[in-house]
């Protein structure tokens, strides 16, 4: 068995400062010199002394961050923390918008998209709330980006647009969703019809087509949206008219077979 002295504690603390946030398994892997070292041993001999010394703080069970020696505050980065809660995962909604530089407003909330069987309770640490959002698909249109030396899985821009249209409530409603999407450039629009076909939901198909047209009209970031993309989406529309917003009447948009509230475009005012 390995003896864990002051040097081991100092080395682990220095490493965790650089790593920002780590699971107990990652700490065990870093500090272990043989296969005999267990997570329990590392918790008892390294993590616990560092906790008592005020050099490390527990974020939640099995997840830790270091305390900055200058500010005496946790160094935890919400994006890095979120990436270590569950696998498989991807960061979506407001968090993805923030990473792409398109979030319309600032929120102390991080969205982690995971399968239902990987569920966890929403929790708050150091003023930031970590919110699970459940999905069966954690593979389609997911990007891996470098964030402060960590490889982070984030929702691709095309999927992000579709998911914001499907669930605008996750970012605070239609105004927040639309004003954020207004500045989300670099979308490969040709991917969207295929994603809608996979979703196979009439209301989402109609909403997405309508919102894409709105964005093209109001945003310089979307003026290059190809006509063939919206045409392809329009050919997927079938059936009776539906409401853009549940139980909110308005004139019928015959192209998209949607009842649109009269003041809906006001959400884009001032953008």
C-alpha atoms as a PDB file:
ATOM      1  CA  UNK A   1       0.000   0.000   0.000  1.00  0.00           C
ATOM      2  CA  UNK A   2       1.224   3.491  -0.854  1.00  0.00           C
ATOM      3  CA  UNK A   3       1.981   5.961   1.900  1.00  0.00           C
ATOM      4  CA  UNK A   4       0.373   9.317   1.346  1.00  0.00           C
ATOM      5  CA  UNK A   5       2.414  12.044   2.974  1.00  0.00           C
ATOM      6  CA  UNK A   6       2.450  15.801   2.726  1.00  0.00           C
ATOM      7  CA  UNK A   7       4.082  15.665  -0.707  1.00  0.00           C
ATOM      8  CA  UNK A   8       1.242  13.563  -2.088  1.00  0.00           C
ATOM      9  CA  UNK A   9      -1.317  15.997  -0.688  1.00  0.00           C
ATOM     10  CA  UNK A  10       0.493  19.005  -2.144  1.00  0.00           C
ATOM     11  CA  UNK A  11       0.881  17.321  -5.519  1.00  0.00           C
ATOM     12  CA  UNK A  12      -2.786  16.371  -5.647  1.00  0.00           C
ATOM     13  CA  UNK A  13      -3.861  19.882  -4.637  1.00  0.00           C
ATOM     14  CA  UNK A  14      -1.620  21.473  -7.300  1.00  0.00           C
ATOM     15  CA  UNK A  15      -2.917  19.048  -9.912  1.00  0.00           C
ATOM     16  CA  UNK A  16      -6.550  19.753  -8.971  1.00  0.00           C
ATOM     17  CA  UNK A  17      -5.925  23.495  -9.200  1.00  0.00           C
ATOM     18  CA  UNK A  18      -4.784  22.969 -12.776  1.00  0.00           C
ATOM     19  CA  UNK A  19      -7.496  20.426 -13.574  1.00  0.00           C
ATOM     20  CA  UNK A  20     -10.190  22.711 -12.121  1.00  0.00           C
ATOM     21  CA  UNK A  21     -12.632  19.932 -11.277  1.00  0.00           C
ATOM     22  CA  UNK A  22     -12.232  16.157 -10.982  1.00  0.00           C
ATOM     23  CA  UNK A  23     -14.161  13.063 -10.002  1.00  0.00           C
ATOM     24  CA  UNK A  24     -12.891  10.804  -7.243  1.00  0.00           C
ATOM     25  CA  UNK A  25     -11.998   8.226  -9.909  1.00  0.00           C
ATOM     26  CA  UNK A  26      -9.875  10.766 -11.748  1.00  0.00           C
ATOM     27  CA  UNK A  27      -8.139  11.737  -8.523  1.00  0.00           C
ATOM     28  CA  UNK A  28      -7.522   8.070  -7.713  1.00  0.00           C
ATOM     29  CA  UNK A  29      -6.058   7.475 -11.164  1.00  0.00           C
ATOM     30  CA  UNK A  30      -3.783  10.499 -10.803  1.00  0.00           C
ATOM     31  CA  UNK A  31      -2.493   9.657  -7.334  1.00  0.00           C
ATOM     32  CA  UNK A  32      -2.293   5.883  -7.659  1.00  0.00           C
ATOM     33  CA  UNK A  33       1.071   4.246  -8.279  1.00  0.00           C
ATOM     34  CA  UNK A  34      -0.229   0.666  -8.211  1.00  0.00           C
ATOM     35  CA  UNK A  35      -3.483  -1.093  -9.019  1.00  0.00           C
ATOM     36  CA  UNK A  36      -4.030  -1.725  -5.310  1.00  0.00           C
ATOM     37  CA  UNK A  37      -4.986   1.848  -4.433  1.00  0.00           C
ATOM     38  CA  UNK A  38      -8.754   2.182  -4.052  1.00  0.00           C
ATOM     39  CA  UNK A  39     -11.038   5.175  -4.221  1.00  0.00           C
ATOM     40  CA  UNK A  40     -11.855   4.648  -0.527  1.00  0.00           C
ATOM     41  CA  UNK A  41      -8.184   4.827   0.371  1.00  0.00           C
ATOM     42  CA  UNK A  42      -7.683   7.989  -1.688  1.00  0.00           C
ATOM     43  CA  UNK A  43     -10.782   9.550  -0.135  1.00  0.00           C
ATOM     44  CA  UNK A  44      -9.613   8.749   3.404  1.00  0.00           C
ATOM     45  CA  UNK A  45      -5.932   9.636   2.970  1.00  0.00           C
ATOM     46  CA  UNK A  46      -5.959  12.455   0.417  1.00  0.00           C
ATOM     47  CA  UNK A  47      -9.350  14.012  -0.178  1.00  0.00           C
ATOM     48  CA  UNK A  48     -10.443  14.124   3.465  1.00  0.00           C
ATOM     49  CA  UNK A  49      -7.213  15.848   4.681  1.00  0.00           C
ATOM     50  CA  UNK A  50      -7.478  18.357   1.821  1.00  0.00           C
ATOM     51  CA  UNK A  51     -11.115  19.020   2.684  1.00  0.00           C
ATOM     52  CA  UNK A  52     -10.205  19.605   6.331  1.00  0.00           C
ATOM     53  CA  UNK A  53      -7.360  21.885   5.296  1.00  0.00           C
ATOM     54  CA  UNK A  54      -9.746  24.004   3.229  1.00  0.00           C
ATOM     55  CA  UNK A  55      -7.840  23.343   0.015  1.00  0.00           C
ATOM     56  CA  UNK A  56     -10.540  21.279  -1.670  1.00  0.00           C
ATOM     57  CA  UNK A  57     -14.315  21.580  -1.747  1.00  0.00           C
ATOM     58  CA  UNK A  58     -16.945  18.967  -2.500  1.00  0.00           C
ATOM     59  CA  UNK A  59     -19.281  19.968  -5.345  1.00  0.00           C
ATOM     60  CA  UNK A  60     -21.485  16.902  -4.983  1.00  0.00           C
ATOM     61  CA  UNK A  61     -20.884  13.261  -4.164  1.00  0.00           C
ATOM     62  CA  UNK A  62     -17.750  12.061  -5.939  1.00  0.00           C
ATOM     63  CA  UNK A  63     -16.935  15.444  -7.526  1.00  0.00           C
ATOM     64  CA  UNK A  64     -14.381  17.948  -6.196  1.00  0.00           C
ATOM     65  CA  UNK A  65     -12.726  21.256  -6.981  1.00  0.00           C
ATOM     66  CA  UNK A  66      -9.764  23.143  -5.566  1.00  0.00           C
ATOM     67  CA  UNK A  67      -9.822  26.360  -3.568  1.00  0.00           C
ATOM     68  CA  UNK A  68      -7.805  29.190  -5.086  1.00  0.00           C
ATOM     69  CA  UNK A  69      -4.997  30.068  -2.616  1.00  0.00           C
ATOM     70  CA  UNK A  70      -5.258  33.780  -3.490  1.00  0.00           C
ATOM     71  CA  UNK A  71      -9.017  34.370  -3.601  1.00  0.00           C
ATOM     72  CA  UNK A  72      -9.990  31.551  -1.227  1.00  0.00           C
ATOM     73  CA  UNK A  73     -12.835  30.727  -3.618  1.00  0.00           C
ATOM     74  CA  UNK A  74     -13.571  27.544  -5.575  1.00  0.00           C
ATOM     75  CA  UNK A  75     -11.992  27.461  -9.026  1.00  0.00           C
ATOM     76  CA  UNK A  76     -14.844  25.336 -10.403  1.00  0.00           C
ATOM     77  CA  UNK A  77     -15.849  26.218 -13.967  1.00  0.00           C
ATOM     78  CA  UNK A  78     -19.553  25.372 -14.527  1.00  0.00           C
ATOM     79  CA  UNK A  79     -18.870  23.956 -17.999  1.00  0.00           C
ATOM     80  CA  UNK A  80     -16.149  21.625 -16.701  1.00  0.00           C
ATOM     81  CA  UNK A  81     -18.285  20.634 -13.713  1.00  0.00           C
ATOM     82  CA  UNK A  82     -21.222  19.827 -16.007  1.00  0.00           C
ATOM     83  CA  UNK A  83     -19.069  17.629 -18.215  1.00  0.00           C
ATOM     84  CA  UNK A  84     -18.204  15.376 -15.287  1.00  0.00           C
ATOM     85  CA  UNK A  85     -21.654  14.697 -13.821  1.00  0.00           C
ATOM     86  CA  UNK A  86     -22.912  11.960 -16.160  1.00  0.00           C
ATOM     87  CA  UNK A  87     -21.951  10.127 -19.343  1.00  0.00           C
ATOM     88  CA  UNK A  88     -23.080  10.035 -22.044  1.00  0.00           C
ATOM     89  CA  UNK A  89     -24.041  13.689 -22.110  1.00  0.00           C
ATOM     90  CA  UNK A  90     -23.928  16.882 -24.104  1.00  0.00           C
ATOM     91  CA  UNK A  91     -24.337  20.494 -23.049  1.00  0.00           C
ATOM     92  CA  UNK A  92     -27.340  22.129 -24.644  1.00  0.00           C
ATOM     93  CA  UNK A  93     -29.812  25.009 -24.597  1.00  0.00           C
ATOM     94  CA  UNK A  94     -28.553  28.053 -22.675  1.00  0.00           C
ATOM     95  CA  UNK A  95     -25.136  26.469 -22.026  1.00  0.00           C
ATOM     96  CA  UNK A  96     -24.583  25.714 -25.710  1.00  0.00           C
ATOM     97  CA  UNK A  97     -25.697  29.236 -26.647  1.00  0.00           C
ATOM     98  CA  UNK A  98     -23.178  30.646 -24.178  1.00  0.00           C
ATOM     99  CA  UNK A  99     -20.352  28.507 -25.551  1.00  0.00           C
ATOM    100  CA  UNK A 100     -21.214  29.705 -29.074  1.00  0.00           C
ATOM    101  CA  UNK A 101     -21.381  33.323 -27.887  1.00  0.00           C
ATOM    102  CA  UNK A 102     -25.060  33.704 -28.777  1.00  0.00           C
ATOM    103  CA  UNK A 103     -26.886  33.735 -25.431  1.00  0.00           C
ATOM    104  CA  UNK A 104     -29.137  36.799 -25.360  1.00  0.00           C
ATOM    105  CA  UNK A 105     -28.923  37.167 -21.588  1.00  0.00           C
ATOM    106  CA  UNK A 106     -26.869  35.903 -18.680  1.00  0.00           C
ATOM    107  CA  UNK A 107     -28.120  33.050 -16.530  1.00  0.00           C
ATOM    108  CA  UNK A 108     -26.477  31.134 -13.706  1.00  0.00           C
ATOM    109  CA  UNK A 109     -27.727  27.825 -15.033  1.00  0.00           C
ATOM    110  CA  UNK A 110     -26.064  24.967 -16.881  1.00  0.00           C
ATOM    111  CA  UNK A 111     -28.073  22.500 -19.010  1.00  0.00           C
ATOM    112  CA  UNK A 112     -26.803  18.908 -19.150  1.00  0.00           C
ATOM    113  CA  UNK A 113     -28.629  16.669 -21.643  1.00  0.00           C
ATOM    114  CA  UNK A 114     -28.530  12.995 -20.660  1.00  0.00           C
ATOM    115  CA  UNK A 115     -30.509   9.749 -21.098  1.00  0.00           C
ATOM    116  CA  UNK A 116     -33.376   9.292 -18.597  1.00  0.00           C
ATOM    117  CA  UNK A 117     -31.631   6.330 -16.961  1.00  0.00           C
ATOM    118  CA  UNK A 118     -28.707   8.627 -16.064  1.00  0.00           C
ATOM    119  CA  UNK A 119     -30.949  11.068 -14.232  1.00  0.00           C
ATOM    120  CA  UNK A 120     -29.789  13.201 -11.317  1.00  0.00           C
ATOM    121  CA  UNK A 121     -31.450  15.805  -9.175  1.00  0.00           C
ATOM    122  CA  UNK A 122     -30.987  19.418 -10.114  1.00  0.00           C
ATOM    123  CA  UNK A 123     -28.528  21.021  -7.723  1.00  0.00           C
ATOM    124  CA  UNK A 124     -26.892  24.367  -7.083  1.00  0.00           C
ATOM    125  CA  UNK A 125     -23.225  24.872  -6.314  1.00  0.00           C
ATOM    126  CA  UNK A 126     -21.417  28.170  -5.851  1.00  0.00           C
ATOM    127  CA  UNK A 127     -24.380  30.126  -7.215  1.00  0.00           C
ATOM    128  CA  UNK A 128     -24.818  28.078 -10.394  1.00  0.00           C
ATOM    129  CA  UNK A 129     -27.671  25.637 -10.966  1.00  0.00           C
ATOM    130  CA  UNK A 130     -27.033  22.376 -12.826  1.00  0.00           C
ATOM    131  CA  UNK A 131     -30.186  21.238 -14.609  1.00  0.00           C
ATOM    132  CA  UNK A 132     -30.646  17.823 -16.252  1.00  0.00           C
ATOM    133  CA  UNK A 133     -32.646  17.613 -19.476  1.00  0.00           C
ATOM    134  CA  UNK A 134     -33.551  14.138 -20.620  1.00  0.00           C
ATOM    135  CA  UNK A 135     -33.111  12.815 -24.147  1.00  0.00           C
ATOM    136  CA  UNK A 136     -32.802   9.369 -25.714  1.00  0.00           C
ATOM    137  CA  UNK A 137     -30.362  10.632 -28.344  1.00  0.00           C
ATOM    138  CA  UNK A 138     -26.961  11.837 -27.157  1.00  0.00           C
ATOM    139  CA  UNK A 139     -25.133  11.217 -30.460  1.00  0.00           C
ATOM    140  CA  UNK A 140     -26.819  13.109 -33.302  1.00  0.00           C
ATOM    141  CA  UNK A 141     -25.125  16.414 -34.215  1.00  0.00           C
ATOM    142  CA  UNK A 142     -22.893  16.608 -31.141  1.00  0.00           C
ATOM    143  CA  UNK A 143     -19.582  18.503 -31.288  1.00  0.00           C
ATOM    144  CA  UNK A 144     -16.475  18.145 -29.152  1.00  0.00           C
ATOM    145  CA  UNK A 145     -14.818  21.449 -28.281  1.00  0.00           C
ATOM    146  CA  UNK A 146     -11.798  22.417 -26.223  1.00  0.00           C
ATOM    147  CA  UNK A 147     -12.701  24.412 -23.134  1.00  0.00           C
ATOM    148  CA  UNK A 148      -9.798  25.374 -20.879  1.00  0.00           C
ATOM    149  CA  UNK A 149      -7.938  22.206 -21.798  1.00  0.00           C
ATOM    150  CA  UNK A 150     -10.959  19.920 -21.389  1.00  0.00           C
ATOM    151  CA  UNK A 151     -12.759  18.106 -24.196  1.00  0.00           C
ATOM    152  CA  UNK A 152     -16.419  19.101 -23.845  1.00  0.00           C
ATOM    153  CA  UNK A 153     -19.398  17.643 -25.720  1.00  0.00           C
ATOM    154  CA  UNK A 154     -21.814  20.324 -26.859  1.00  0.00           C
ATOM    155  CA  UNK A 155     -24.936  20.359 -29.002  1.00  0.00           C
ATOM    156  CA  UNK A 156     -24.217  21.192 -32.654  1.00  0.00           C
ATOM    157  CA  UNK A 157     -25.707  24.458 -33.902  1.00  0.00           C
ATOM    158  CA  UNK A 158     -28.266  22.778 -36.134  1.00  0.00           C
ATOM    159  CA  UNK A 159     -29.593  20.574 -33.350  1.00  0.00           C
ATOM    160  CA  UNK A 160     -29.495  23.531 -30.979  1.00  0.00           C
ATOM    161  CA  UNK A 161     -31.779  25.520 -33.275  1.00  0.00           C
ATOM    162  CA  UNK A 162     -34.257  22.646 -33.561  1.00  0.00           C
ATOM    163  CA  UNK A 163     -34.258  21.988 -29.814  1.00  0.00           C
ATOM    164  CA  UNK A 164     -34.787  25.657 -28.977  1.00  0.00           C
ATOM    165  CA  UNK A 165     -37.770  25.741 -31.339  1.00  0.00           C
ATOM    166  CA  UNK A 166     -39.098  22.565 -29.723  1.00  0.00           C
ATOM    167  CA  UNK A 167     -38.502  23.651 -26.113  1.00  0.00           C
ATOM    168  CA  UNK A 168     -38.070  27.443 -25.840  1.00  0.00           C
ATOM    169  CA  UNK A 169     -39.116  27.264 -22.167  1.00  0.00           C
ATOM    170  CA  UNK A 170     -35.696  25.873 -21.266  1.00  0.00           C
ATOM    171  CA  UNK A 171     -34.112  29.245 -22.034  1.00  0.00           C
ATOM    172  CA  UNK A 172     -36.905  31.412 -20.677  1.00  0.00           C
ATOM    173  CA  UNK A 173     -39.440  31.450 -23.521  1.00  0.00           C
ATOM    174  CA  UNK A 174     -39.738  32.526 -27.130  1.00  0.00           C
ATOM    175  CA  UNK A 175     -38.191  35.971 -26.745  1.00  0.00           C
ATOM    176  CA  UNK A 176     -34.982  34.592 -25.253  1.00  0.00           C
ATOM    177  CA  UNK A 177     -34.891  31.743 -27.760  1.00  0.00           C
ATOM    178  CA  UNK A 178     -35.418  33.920 -30.834  1.00  0.00           C
ATOM    179  CA  UNK A 179     -33.064  36.703 -29.800  1.00  0.00           C
ATOM    180  CA  UNK A 180     -30.370  34.139 -29.064  1.00  0.00           C
ATOM    181  CA  UNK A 181     -30.905  32.319 -32.364  1.00  0.00           C
ATOM    182  CA  UNK A 182     -30.768  35.660 -34.161  1.00  0.00           C
ATOM    183  CA  UNK A 183     -26.995  35.806 -33.556  1.00  0.00           C
ATOM    184  CA  UNK A 184     -26.257  32.088 -33.950  1.00  0.00           C
ATOM    185  CA  UNK A 185     -24.233  32.100 -37.148  1.00  0.00           C
ATOM    186  CA  UNK A 186     -22.451  29.293 -38.951  1.00  0.00           C
ATOM    187  CA  UNK A 187     -25.437  26.942 -39.191  1.00  0.00           C
ATOM    188  CA  UNK A 188     -25.334  24.239 -41.863  1.00  0.00           C
ATOM    189  CA  UNK A 189     -28.999  24.543 -42.797  1.00  0.00           C
ATOM    190  CA  UNK A 190     -28.960  21.484 -45.067  1.00  0.00           C
ATOM    191  CA  UNK A 191     -28.738  19.267 -41.974  1.00  0.00           C
ATOM    192  CA  UNK A 192     -31.998  20.542 -40.486  1.00  0.00           C
ATOM    193  CA  UNK A 193     -34.532  18.739 -42.752  1.00  0.00           C
ATOM    194  CA  UNK A 194     -32.852  15.421 -41.982  1.00  0.00           C
ATOM    195  CA  UNK A 195     -33.041  16.125 -38.269  1.00  0.00           C
ATOM    196  CA  UNK A 196     -36.733  16.960 -38.589  1.00  0.00           C
ATOM    197  CA  UNK A 197     -37.336  13.737 -40.506  1.00  0.00           C
ATOM    198  CA  UNK A 198     -35.705  11.835 -37.657  1.00  0.00           C
ATOM    199  CA  UNK A 199     -37.875  13.657 -35.101  1.00  0.00           C
ATOM    200  CA  UNK A 200     -40.965  12.976 -37.248  1.00  0.00           C
ATOM    201  CA  UNK A 201     -43.165  15.510 -35.433  1.00  0.00           C
ATOM    202  CA  UNK A 202     -45.507  17.683 -37.502  1.00  0.00           C
ATOM    203  CA  UNK A 203     -45.695  20.585 -35.065  1.00  0.00           C
ATOM    204  CA  UNK A 204     -41.903  20.773 -34.764  1.00  0.00           C
ATOM    205  CA  UNK A 205     -41.474  20.618 -38.542  1.00  0.00           C
ATOM    206  CA  UNK A 206     -43.928  23.483 -39.030  1.00  0.00           C
ATOM    207  CA  UNK A 207     -42.484  25.604 -36.240  1.00  0.00           C
ATOM    208  CA  UNK A 208     -38.928  25.131 -37.496  1.00  0.00           C
ATOM    209  CA  UNK A 209     -39.814  26.132 -41.043  1.00  0.00           C
ATOM    210  CA  UNK A 210     -41.652  29.236 -39.838  1.00  0.00           C
ATOM    211  CA  UNK A 211     -38.900  30.260 -37.399  1.00  0.00           C
ATOM    212  CA  UNK A 212     -36.208  29.818 -40.053  1.00  0.00           C
ATOM    213  CA  UNK A 213     -38.118  32.172 -42.347  1.00  0.00           C
ATOM    214  CA  UNK A 214     -38.488  34.702 -39.531  1.00  0.00           C
ATOM    215  CA  UNK A 215     -34.770  34.577 -38.792  1.00  0.00           C
ATOM    216  CA  UNK A 216     -33.932  35.042 -42.470  1.00  0.00           C
ATOM    217  CA  UNK A 217     -36.116  38.155 -42.557  1.00  0.00           C
ATOM    218  CA  UNK A 218     -34.780  39.704 -39.359  1.00  0.00           C
ATOM    219  CA  UNK A 219     -31.145  38.621 -39.018  1.00  0.00           C
ATOM    220  CA  UNK A 220     -28.048  39.217 -41.138  1.00  0.00           C
ATOM    221  CA  UNK A 221     -26.679  35.964 -39.723  1.00  0.00           C
ATOM    222  CA  UNK A 222     -29.423  33.992 -41.495  1.00  0.00           C
ATOM    223  CA  UNK A 223     -29.917  35.874 -44.749  1.00  0.00           C
ATOM    224  CA  UNK A 224     -27.985  33.219 -46.658  1.00  0.00           C
ATOM    225  CA  UNK A 225     -30.497  30.503 -45.651  1.00  0.00           C
ATOM    226  CA  UNK A 226     -31.085  28.577 -48.918  1.00  0.00           C
ATOM    227  CA  UNK A 227     -34.620  28.601 -50.295  1.00  0.00           C
ATOM    228  CA  UNK A 228     -34.366  24.880 -51.027  1.00  0.00           C
ATOM    229  CA  UNK A 229     -34.035  24.161 -47.304  1.00  0.00           C
ATOM    230  CA  UNK A 230     -37.305  25.848 -46.335  1.00  0.00           C
ATOM    231  CA  UNK A 231     -38.934  24.363 -49.444  1.00  0.00           C
ATOM    232  CA  UNK A 232     -37.811  20.886 -48.397  1.00  0.00           C
ATOM    233  CA  UNK A 233     -39.259  21.448 -44.921  1.00  0.00           C
ATOM    234  CA  UNK A 234     -42.511  22.761 -46.398  1.00  0.00           C
ATOM    235  CA  UNK A 235     -42.973  19.554 -48.416  1.00  0.00           C
ATOM    236  CA  UNK A 236     -42.975  17.683 -45.094  1.00  0.00           C
ATOM    237  CA  UNK A 237     -46.015  19.614 -43.812  1.00  0.00           C
ATOM    238  CA  UNK A 238     -49.303  17.692 -43.857  1.00  0.00           C
ATOM    239  CA  UNK A 239     -52.526  17.498 -41.874  1.00  0.00           C
ATOM    240  CA  UNK A 240     -54.764  20.019 -40.161  1.00  0.00           C
ATOM    241  CA  UNK A 241     -53.604  23.429 -38.871  1.00  0.00           C
ATOM    242  CA  UNK A 242     -51.999  23.597 -35.427  1.00  0.00           C
ATOM    243  CA  UNK A 243     -51.181  26.363 -32.948  1.00  0.00           C
ATOM    244  CA  UNK A 244     -47.660  27.779 -32.806  1.00  0.00           C
ATOM    245  CA  UNK A 245     -48.267  28.458 -29.112  1.00  0.00           C
ATOM    246  CA  UNK A 246     -50.671  26.157 -27.330  1.00  0.00           C
ATOM    247  CA  UNK A 247     -54.159  27.660 -26.989  1.00  0.00           C
ATOM    248  CA  UNK A 248     -52.961  30.986 -28.442  1.00  0.00           C
ATOM    249  CA  UNK A 249     -55.189  31.915 -31.407  1.00  0.00           C
ATOM    250  CA  UNK A 250     -54.117  34.042 -34.334  1.00  0.00           C
ATOM    251  CA  UNK A 251     -54.197  34.283 -38.132  1.00  0.00           C
ATOM    252  CA  UNK A 252     -53.489  31.088 -40.083  1.00  0.00           C
ATOM    253  CA  UNK A 253     -50.166  30.934 -41.904  1.00  0.00           C
ATOM    254  CA  UNK A 254     -51.234  28.675 -44.773  1.00  0.00           C
ATOM    255  CA  UNK A 255     -47.681  27.912 -45.852  1.00  0.00           C
ATOM    256  CA  UNK A 256     -46.808  26.382 -42.499  1.00  0.00           C
ATOM    257  CA  UNK A 257     -50.361  25.477 -41.432  1.00  0.00           C
ATOM    258  CA  UNK A 258     -49.878  27.306 -38.138  1.00  0.00           C
ATOM    259  CA  UNK A 259     -52.063  29.710 -36.206  1.00  0.00           C
ATOM    260  CA  UNK A 260     -49.602  32.485 -35.320  1.00  0.00           C
ATOM    261  CA  UNK A 261     -50.365  34.897 -32.440  1.00  0.00           C
ATOM    262  CA  UNK A 262     -50.660  38.400 -33.887  1.00  0.00           C
ATOM    263  CA  UNK A 263     -47.881  39.789 -31.699  1.00  0.00           C
ATOM    264  CA  UNK A 264     -45.452  36.872 -32.135  1.00  0.00           C
ATOM    265  CA  UNK A 265     -42.991  38.781 -34.325  1.00  0.00           C
ATOM    266  CA  UNK A 266     -42.757  41.415 -31.580  1.00  0.00           C
ATOM    267  CA  UNK A 267     -40.332  39.049 -29.846  1.00  0.00           C
ATOM    268  CA  UNK A 268     -37.767  40.073 -32.452  1.00  0.00           C
ATOM    269  CA  UNK A 269     -38.332  43.802 -31.999  1.00  0.00           C
ATOM    270  CA  UNK A 270     -35.137  45.637 -31.200  1.00  0.00           C
ATOM    271  CA  UNK A 271     -32.876  42.844 -32.382  1.00  0.00           C
END
